[in-house]
């Protein structure tokens, strides 16, 4: 009876090891495929700050962004960096359609930031702008 239990335990452990190996390989392949698909989708994506203004009195940053390609971009976050090293993050969650302009209004922005950065769903696709570009 002990030999049967030992044999059965060995078989179950072997099957578990095979399943664990198979599933880890499957996950690696799936993640690699997803990464490649993102790179393909984002290839050539580009946008720019078309114009911008900052209303110091009302603490409102108004940006007009231009998507310069056909790839739709999800605008994720705006990061503003201040002279003291502080960085403030503003969630955008806006879609910038391919070859289109989009106006973004961000409220509650404290005056005096040095620069801003907007990040998208494409890791390599972002823009930076300076305070002087939006306060001319």
N, C-alpha and C. Protein backbone atom coordinates (compact mmCIF):
# COMPACT_ATOMS: atom_id res chain seq x y z
N UNK A 1 0.81 -1.19 0.00
CA UNK A 1 0.00 0.00 0.00
C UNK A 1 0.87 1.27 0.00
N UNK A 2 1.96 1.28 0.82
CA UNK A 2 2.86 2.42 0.87
C UNK A 2 3.54 2.66 -0.47
N UNK A 3 3.86 1.57 -1.20
CA UNK A 3 4.50 1.72 -2.51
C UNK A 3 3.54 2.37 -3.50
N UNK A 4 2.27 2.05 -3.42
CA UNK A 4 1.28 2.62 -4.32
C UNK A 4 1.12 4.11 -4.03
N UNK A 5 1.06 4.48 -2.74
CA UNK A 5 0.93 5.89 -2.35
C UNK A 5 2.16 6.66 -2.80
N UNK A 6 3.34 6.08 -2.62
CA UNK A 6 4.58 6.72 -3.03
C UNK A 6 4.62 6.90 -4.54
N UNK A 7 4.24 5.87 -5.28
CA UNK A 7 4.20 5.94 -6.74
C UNK A 7 3.19 6.98 -7.21
N UNK A 8 2.02 6.97 -6.59
CA UNK A 8 0.98 7.93 -6.94
C UNK A 8 1.44 9.36 -6.65
N UNK A 9 2.09 9.59 -5.53
CA UNK A 9 2.63 10.90 -5.18
C UNK A 9 3.67 11.34 -6.20
N UNK A 10 4.54 10.43 -6.61
CA UNK A 10 5.57 10.75 -7.60
C UNK A 10 4.95 11.13 -8.94
N UNK A 11 3.91 10.42 -9.35
CA UNK A 11 3.22 10.71 -10.61
C UNK A 11 2.56 12.09 -10.54
N UNK A 12 1.89 12.37 -9.43
CA UNK A 12 1.22 13.67 -9.27
C UNK A 12 2.24 14.80 -9.27
N UNK A 13 3.34 14.63 -8.59
CA UNK A 13 4.38 15.65 -8.55
C UNK A 13 4.98 15.87 -9.94
N UNK A 14 5.17 14.82 -10.69
CA UNK A 14 5.71 14.93 -12.05
C UNK A 14 4.75 15.69 -12.96
N UNK A 15 3.48 15.36 -12.86
CA UNK A 15 2.48 16.06 -13.66
C UNK A 15 2.43 17.54 -13.27
N UNK A 16 2.50 17.83 -11.99
CA UNK A 16 2.48 19.22 -11.52
C UNK A 16 3.70 19.99 -12.05
N UNK A 17 4.86 19.35 -12.04
CA UNK A 17 6.08 19.99 -12.55
C UNK A 17 5.96 20.27 -14.05
N UNK A 18 5.42 19.33 -14.79
CA UNK A 18 5.24 19.51 -16.24
C UNK A 18 4.26 20.66 -16.51
N UNK A 19 3.15 20.68 -15.78
CA UNK A 19 2.18 21.77 -15.95
C UNK A 19 2.76 23.13 -15.58
N UNK A 20 3.56 23.19 -14.53
CA UNK A 20 4.19 24.45 -14.12
C UNK A 20 5.16 24.94 -15.19
N UNK A 21 5.96 24.04 -15.73
CA UNK A 21 6.90 24.40 -16.79
C UNK A 21 6.16 24.88 -18.03
N UNK A 22 5.11 24.16 -18.42
CA UNK A 22 4.33 24.51 -19.61
C UNK A 22 3.66 25.88 -19.43
N UNK A 23 3.06 26.12 -18.26
CA UNK A 23 2.36 27.39 -18.04
C UNK A 23 3.33 28.56 -17.99
N UNK A 24 4.52 28.39 -17.41
CA UNK A 24 5.48 29.49 -17.37
C UNK A 24 5.97 29.82 -18.77
N UNK A 25 6.17 28.82 -19.61
CA UNK A 25 6.57 29.09 -20.99
C UNK A 25 5.45 29.79 -21.76
N UNK A 26 4.21 29.39 -21.51
CA UNK A 26 3.06 30.00 -22.18
C UNK A 26 2.95 31.47 -21.79
N UNK A 27 3.15 31.78 -20.52
CA UNK A 27 3.07 33.16 -20.05
C UNK A 27 4.18 34.00 -20.69
N UNK A 28 5.40 33.46 -20.75
CA UNK A 28 6.50 34.19 -21.37
C UNK A 28 6.21 34.49 -22.83
N UNK A 29 5.68 33.52 -23.56
CA UNK A 29 5.35 33.71 -24.98
C UNK A 29 4.24 34.74 -25.13
N UNK A 30 3.23 34.69 -24.29
CA UNK A 30 2.13 35.64 -24.37
C UNK A 30 2.60 37.05 -24.09
N UNK A 31 3.43 37.24 -23.05
CA UNK A 31 3.95 38.56 -22.74
C UNK A 31 4.84 39.09 -23.85
N UNK A 32 5.65 38.22 -24.43
CA UNK A 32 6.52 38.63 -25.54
C UNK A 32 5.69 39.04 -26.75
N UNK A 33 4.62 38.31 -27.03
CA UNK A 33 3.74 38.65 -28.15
C UNK A 33 3.06 39.99 -27.91
N UNK A 34 2.60 40.22 -26.70
CA UNK A 34 1.93 41.48 -26.37
C UNK A 34 2.90 42.66 -26.50
N UNK A 35 4.14 42.47 -26.06
CA UNK A 35 5.15 43.52 -26.16
C UNK A 35 5.44 43.84 -27.63
N UNK A 36 5.57 42.81 -28.44
CA UNK A 36 5.81 43.02 -29.87
C UNK A 36 4.63 43.72 -30.54
N UNK A 37 3.41 43.36 -30.16
CA UNK A 37 2.23 43.99 -30.74
C UNK A 37 2.19 45.47 -30.38
N UNK A 38 2.55 45.83 -29.13
CA UNK A 38 2.60 47.23 -28.72
C UNK A 38 3.64 47.98 -29.52
N UNK A 39 4.81 47.39 -29.70
CA UNK A 39 5.87 48.04 -30.47
C UNK A 39 5.42 48.27 -31.91
N UNK A 40 4.76 47.28 -32.51
CA UNK A 40 4.27 47.43 -33.88
C UNK A 40 3.22 48.53 -33.95
N UNK A 41 2.26 48.51 -33.02
CA UNK A 41 1.19 49.50 -33.00
C UNK A 41 1.76 50.90 -32.84
N UNK A 42 2.74 51.05 -31.97
CA UNK A 42 3.29 52.36 -31.64
C UNK A 42 4.36 52.84 -32.62
N UNK A 43 4.80 51.97 -33.48
CA UNK A 43 5.86 52.32 -34.42
C UNK A 43 5.46 53.53 -35.25
N UNK A 44 6.25 54.57 -35.18
CA UNK A 44 6.00 55.78 -35.94
C UNK A 44 5.02 56.74 -35.30
N UNK A 45 4.44 56.40 -34.15
CA UNK A 45 3.50 57.30 -33.48
C UNK A 45 4.23 58.57 -33.04
N UNK A 46 3.54 59.70 -33.18
CA UNK A 46 4.16 60.97 -32.82
C UNK A 46 3.07 62.03 -32.60
N UNK A 47 3.27 62.85 -31.57
CA UNK A 47 2.39 63.99 -31.36
C UNK A 47 3.21 65.15 -30.83
N UNK A 48 2.59 66.33 -30.85
CA UNK A 48 3.32 67.52 -30.41
C UNK A 48 2.37 68.49 -29.73
N UNK A 49 2.97 69.44 -29.02
CA UNK A 49 2.21 70.53 -28.44
C UNK A 49 1.97 71.54 -29.55
N UNK A 50 0.74 71.67 -29.96
CA UNK A 50 0.37 72.62 -31.02
C UNK A 50 0.36 74.03 -30.45
N UNK A 51 -0.26 74.18 -29.29
CA UNK A 51 -0.23 75.46 -28.57
C UNK A 51 -0.64 75.21 -27.13
N UNK A 52 -0.37 76.19 -26.29
CA UNK A 52 -0.73 76.06 -24.89
C UNK A 52 -0.80 77.40 -24.21
N UNK A 53 -1.55 77.45 -23.13
CA UNK A 53 -1.62 78.67 -22.34
C UNK A 53 -1.84 78.29 -20.88
N UNK A 54 -1.37 79.18 -20.01
CA UNK A 54 -1.54 78.95 -18.58
C UNK A 54 -2.18 80.20 -17.97
N UNK A 55 -3.30 80.02 -17.30
CA UNK A 55 -4.02 81.09 -16.61
C UNK A 55 -3.62 81.03 -15.14
N UNK A 56 -2.70 81.92 -14.75
CA UNK A 56 -2.18 81.93 -13.38
C UNK A 56 -3.27 82.19 -12.35
N UNK A 57 -4.17 83.10 -12.67
CA UNK A 57 -5.22 83.49 -11.73
C UNK A 57 -6.15 82.32 -11.41
N UNK A 58 -6.56 81.59 -12.44
CA UNK A 58 -7.49 80.47 -12.26
C UNK A 58 -6.80 79.11 -12.14
N UNK A 59 -5.46 79.10 -12.27
CA UNK A 59 -4.65 77.87 -12.16
C UNK A 59 -5.10 76.80 -13.16
N UNK A 60 -5.28 77.25 -14.42
CA UNK A 60 -5.74 76.35 -15.48
C UNK A 60 -4.69 76.30 -16.59
N UNK A 61 -4.27 75.10 -16.92
CA UNK A 61 -3.35 74.86 -18.02
C UNK A 61 -4.17 74.33 -19.19
N UNK A 62 -4.12 75.03 -20.31
CA UNK A 62 -4.86 74.64 -21.50
C UNK A 62 -3.84 74.24 -22.56
N UNK A 63 -3.94 73.01 -23.06
CA UNK A 63 -3.01 72.50 -24.06
C UNK A 63 -3.78 72.04 -25.29
N UNK A 64 -3.27 72.35 -26.46
CA UNK A 64 -3.81 71.80 -27.69
C UNK A 64 -2.72 70.90 -28.26
N UNK A 65 -3.05 69.62 -28.40
CA UNK A 65 -2.10 68.62 -28.86
C UNK A 65 -2.45 68.19 -30.26
N UNK A 66 -1.43 67.92 -31.05
CA UNK A 66 -1.63 67.48 -32.43
C UNK A 66 -1.01 66.10 -32.62
N UNK A 67 -1.84 65.14 -33.00
CA UNK A 67 -1.35 63.81 -33.35
C UNK A 67 -0.89 63.89 -34.79
N UNK A 68 0.38 63.61 -35.02
CA UNK A 68 0.98 63.77 -36.34
C UNK A 68 1.00 62.48 -37.16
N UNK A 69 0.39 61.44 -36.66
CA UNK A 69 0.35 60.16 -37.38
C UNK A 69 -1.07 59.59 -37.30
N UNK A 70 -1.26 58.43 -37.91
CA UNK A 70 -2.59 57.80 -37.94
C UNK A 70 -2.87 56.96 -36.70
N UNK A 71 -1.88 56.74 -35.87
CA UNK A 71 -2.02 55.90 -34.68
C UNK A 71 -2.75 56.67 -33.58
N UNK A 72 -3.85 56.12 -33.08
CA UNK A 72 -4.55 56.72 -31.94
C UNK A 72 -3.68 56.56 -30.69
N UNK A 73 -3.60 57.61 -29.90
CA UNK A 73 -2.80 57.57 -28.67
C UNK A 73 -3.68 57.82 -27.45
N UNK A 74 -3.48 57.03 -26.43
CA UNK A 74 -4.15 57.25 -25.15
C UNK A 74 -3.22 58.14 -24.32
N UNK A 75 -3.66 59.35 -24.02
CA UNK A 75 -2.88 60.26 -23.19
C UNK A 75 -3.10 59.84 -21.75
N UNK A 76 -2.04 59.38 -21.09
CA UNK A 76 -2.18 58.83 -19.75
C UNK A 76 -2.03 59.86 -18.65
N UNK A 77 -0.84 60.47 -18.56
CA UNK A 77 -0.54 61.37 -17.45
C UNK A 77 0.21 62.61 -17.92
N UNK A 78 -0.01 63.69 -17.17
CA UNK A 78 0.77 64.91 -17.31
C UNK A 78 1.60 65.03 -16.04
N UNK A 79 2.90 65.23 -16.20
CA UNK A 79 3.80 65.42 -15.07
C UNK A 79 4.35 66.83 -15.16
N UNK A 80 4.24 67.59 -14.07
CA UNK A 80 4.80 68.93 -14.00
C UNK A 80 5.90 68.93 -12.94
N UNK A 81 7.07 69.45 -13.32
CA UNK A 81 8.22 69.50 -12.43
C UNK A 81 8.47 70.95 -12.03
N UNK A 82 8.62 71.17 -10.73
CA UNK A 82 8.83 72.50 -10.18
C UNK A 82 10.29 72.69 -9.80
N UNK A 83 10.74 73.95 -9.67
CA UNK A 83 12.16 74.24 -9.38
C UNK A 83 12.70 73.56 -8.13
N UNK A 84 11.85 73.30 -7.14
CA UNK A 84 12.30 72.67 -5.90
C UNK A 84 12.40 71.15 -6.02
N UNK A 85 12.19 70.63 -7.24
CA UNK A 85 12.28 69.19 -7.47
C UNK A 85 10.97 68.45 -7.32
N UNK A 86 9.94 69.15 -6.86
CA UNK A 86 8.64 68.52 -6.69
C UNK A 86 8.04 68.20 -8.06
N UNK A 87 7.40 67.05 -8.14
CA UNK A 87 6.72 66.67 -9.37
C UNK A 87 5.26 66.38 -9.04
N UNK A 88 4.37 67.00 -9.80
CA UNK A 88 2.94 66.76 -9.62
C UNK A 88 2.42 65.99 -10.83
N UNK A 89 1.54 65.03 -10.55
CA UNK A 89 0.98 64.17 -11.59
C UNK A 89 -0.51 64.46 -11.74
N UNK A 90 -0.93 64.58 -12.99
CA UNK A 90 -2.34 64.79 -13.32
C UNK A 90 -2.76 63.69 -14.29
N UNK A 91 -3.79 62.95 -13.93
CA UNK A 91 -4.31 61.88 -14.79
C UNK A 91 -5.09 62.52 -15.93
N UNK A 92 -4.80 62.11 -17.15
CA UNK A 92 -5.50 62.66 -18.31
C UNK A 92 -6.56 61.70 -18.83
N UNK A 93 -6.16 60.47 -19.13
CA UNK A 93 -7.07 59.46 -19.68
C UNK A 93 -7.92 60.02 -20.82
N UNK A 94 -7.25 60.57 -21.80
CA UNK A 94 -7.90 61.15 -22.98
C UNK A 94 -7.37 60.44 -24.22
N UNK A 95 -8.23 60.28 -25.22
CA UNK A 95 -7.81 59.68 -26.48
C UNK A 95 -7.46 60.79 -27.46
N UNK A 96 -6.28 60.69 -28.06
CA UNK A 96 -5.85 61.62 -29.10
C UNK A 96 -5.87 60.83 -30.41
N UNK A 97 -6.93 61.03 -31.16
CA UNK A 97 -7.13 60.29 -32.41
C UNK A 97 -6.05 60.65 -33.43
N UNK A 98 -5.77 59.68 -34.32
CA UNK A 98 -4.77 59.88 -35.35
C UNK A 98 -5.07 61.09 -36.22
N UNK A 99 -4.02 61.86 -36.52
CA UNK A 99 -4.10 63.04 -37.39
C UNK A 99 -5.14 64.07 -36.94
N UNK A 100 -5.32 64.19 -35.63
CA UNK A 100 -6.32 65.12 -35.10
C UNK A 100 -5.67 66.05 -34.06
N UNK A 101 -6.39 67.14 -33.77
CA UNK A 101 -6.04 68.05 -32.68
C UNK A 101 -6.97 67.77 -31.51
N UNK A 102 -6.47 67.95 -30.29
CA UNK A 102 -7.32 67.77 -29.11
C UNK A 102 -6.93 68.82 -28.08
N UNK A 103 -7.93 69.44 -27.49
CA UNK A 103 -7.73 70.42 -26.44
C UNK A 103 -7.86 69.72 -25.08
N UNK A 104 -6.89 69.95 -24.23
CA UNK A 104 -6.86 69.37 -22.89
C UNK A 104 -6.86 70.52 -21.88
N UNK A 105 -7.75 70.46 -20.91
CA UNK A 105 -7.81 71.48 -19.86
C UNK A 105 -7.47 70.80 -18.53
N UNK A 106 -6.44 71.33 -17.86
CA UNK A 106 -6.02 70.78 -16.58
C UNK A 106 -6.19 71.87 -15.52
N UNK A 107 -7.02 71.60 -14.54
CA UNK A 107 -7.31 72.58 -13.49
C UNK A 107 -6.48 72.29 -12.24
N UNK A 108 -6.30 73.32 -11.43
CA UNK A 108 -5.59 73.17 -10.16
C UNK A 108 -4.09 73.12 -10.30
N UNK A 109 -3.57 73.74 -11.36
CA UNK A 109 -2.12 73.72 -11.62
C UNK A 109 -1.47 74.93 -10.94
N UNK A 110 -0.57 74.63 -10.02
CA UNK A 110 0.16 75.70 -9.32
C UNK A 110 1.14 76.37 -10.28
N UNK A 111 1.32 77.66 -10.12
CA UNK A 111 2.21 78.45 -10.97
C UNK A 111 3.68 78.09 -10.70
N UNK A 112 4.52 78.33 -11.72
CA UNK A 112 5.96 78.24 -11.54
C UNK A 112 6.60 76.92 -11.90
N UNK A 113 5.91 76.02 -12.56
CA UNK A 113 6.57 74.76 -12.95
C UNK A 113 7.63 75.04 -14.00
N UNK A 114 8.66 74.23 -14.03
CA UNK A 114 9.74 74.36 -15.01
C UNK A 114 9.38 73.72 -16.34
N UNK A 115 8.89 72.48 -16.24
CA UNK A 115 8.57 71.75 -17.47
C UNK A 115 7.43 70.78 -17.24
N UNK A 116 6.84 70.38 -18.34
CA UNK A 116 5.77 69.40 -18.31
C UNK A 116 6.09 68.26 -19.26
N UNK A 117 5.59 67.08 -18.93
CA UNK A 117 5.75 65.91 -19.78
C UNK A 117 4.41 65.19 -19.85
N UNK A 118 4.01 64.80 -21.06
CA UNK A 118 2.80 64.01 -21.24
C UNK A 118 3.22 62.64 -21.75
N UNK A 119 2.79 61.61 -21.02
CA UNK A 119 3.08 60.21 -21.37
C UNK A 119 1.83 59.58 -21.99
N UNK A 120 2.06 58.63 -22.89
CA UNK A 120 0.98 57.94 -23.59
C UNK A 120 1.03 56.44 -23.33
N UNK A 121 0.11 55.72 -23.95
CA UNK A 121 0.11 54.27 -23.87
C UNK A 121 1.30 53.65 -24.60
N UNK A 122 1.96 54.39 -25.45
CA UNK A 122 3.16 53.93 -26.14
C UNK A 122 4.37 54.40 -25.34
N UNK A 123 5.11 53.49 -24.73
CA UNK A 123 6.19 53.88 -23.81
C UNK A 123 7.20 54.86 -24.40
N UNK A 124 7.49 54.76 -25.70
CA UNK A 124 8.50 55.63 -26.30
C UNK A 124 7.92 56.94 -26.81
N UNK A 125 6.61 57.13 -26.70
CA UNK A 125 5.96 58.30 -27.29
C UNK A 125 5.46 59.22 -26.18
N UNK A 126 6.14 60.37 -26.05
CA UNK A 126 5.76 61.37 -25.07
C UNK A 126 6.24 62.73 -25.59
N UNK A 127 5.79 63.78 -24.95
CA UNK A 127 6.30 65.12 -25.28
C UNK A 127 6.68 65.83 -24.00
N UNK A 128 7.58 66.79 -24.15
CA UNK A 128 7.97 67.67 -23.06
C UNK A 128 7.76 69.10 -23.52
N UNK A 129 7.41 69.96 -22.60
CA UNK A 129 7.29 71.38 -22.91
C UNK A 129 7.75 72.17 -21.70
N UNK A 130 8.12 73.40 -21.94
CA UNK A 130 8.60 74.25 -20.86
C UNK A 130 7.52 75.23 -20.43
N UNK A 131 7.72 75.80 -19.26
CA UNK A 131 6.79 76.80 -18.72
C UNK A 131 6.67 77.97 -19.71
N UNK A 132 7.79 78.39 -20.29
CA UNK A 132 7.77 79.53 -21.20
C UNK A 132 6.97 79.25 -22.46
N UNK A 133 6.83 78.01 -22.85
CA UNK A 133 6.05 77.68 -24.05
C UNK A 133 4.55 77.89 -23.85
N UNK A 134 4.10 77.89 -22.62
CA UNK A 134 2.67 78.04 -22.35
C UNK A 134 2.34 79.36 -21.63
N UNK A 135 3.34 80.22 -21.45
CA UNK A 135 3.10 81.49 -20.77
C UNK A 135 3.59 82.67 -21.60
N UNK A 136 3.64 82.52 -22.89
CA UNK A 136 4.14 83.60 -23.77
C UNK A 136 3.25 84.81 -23.72
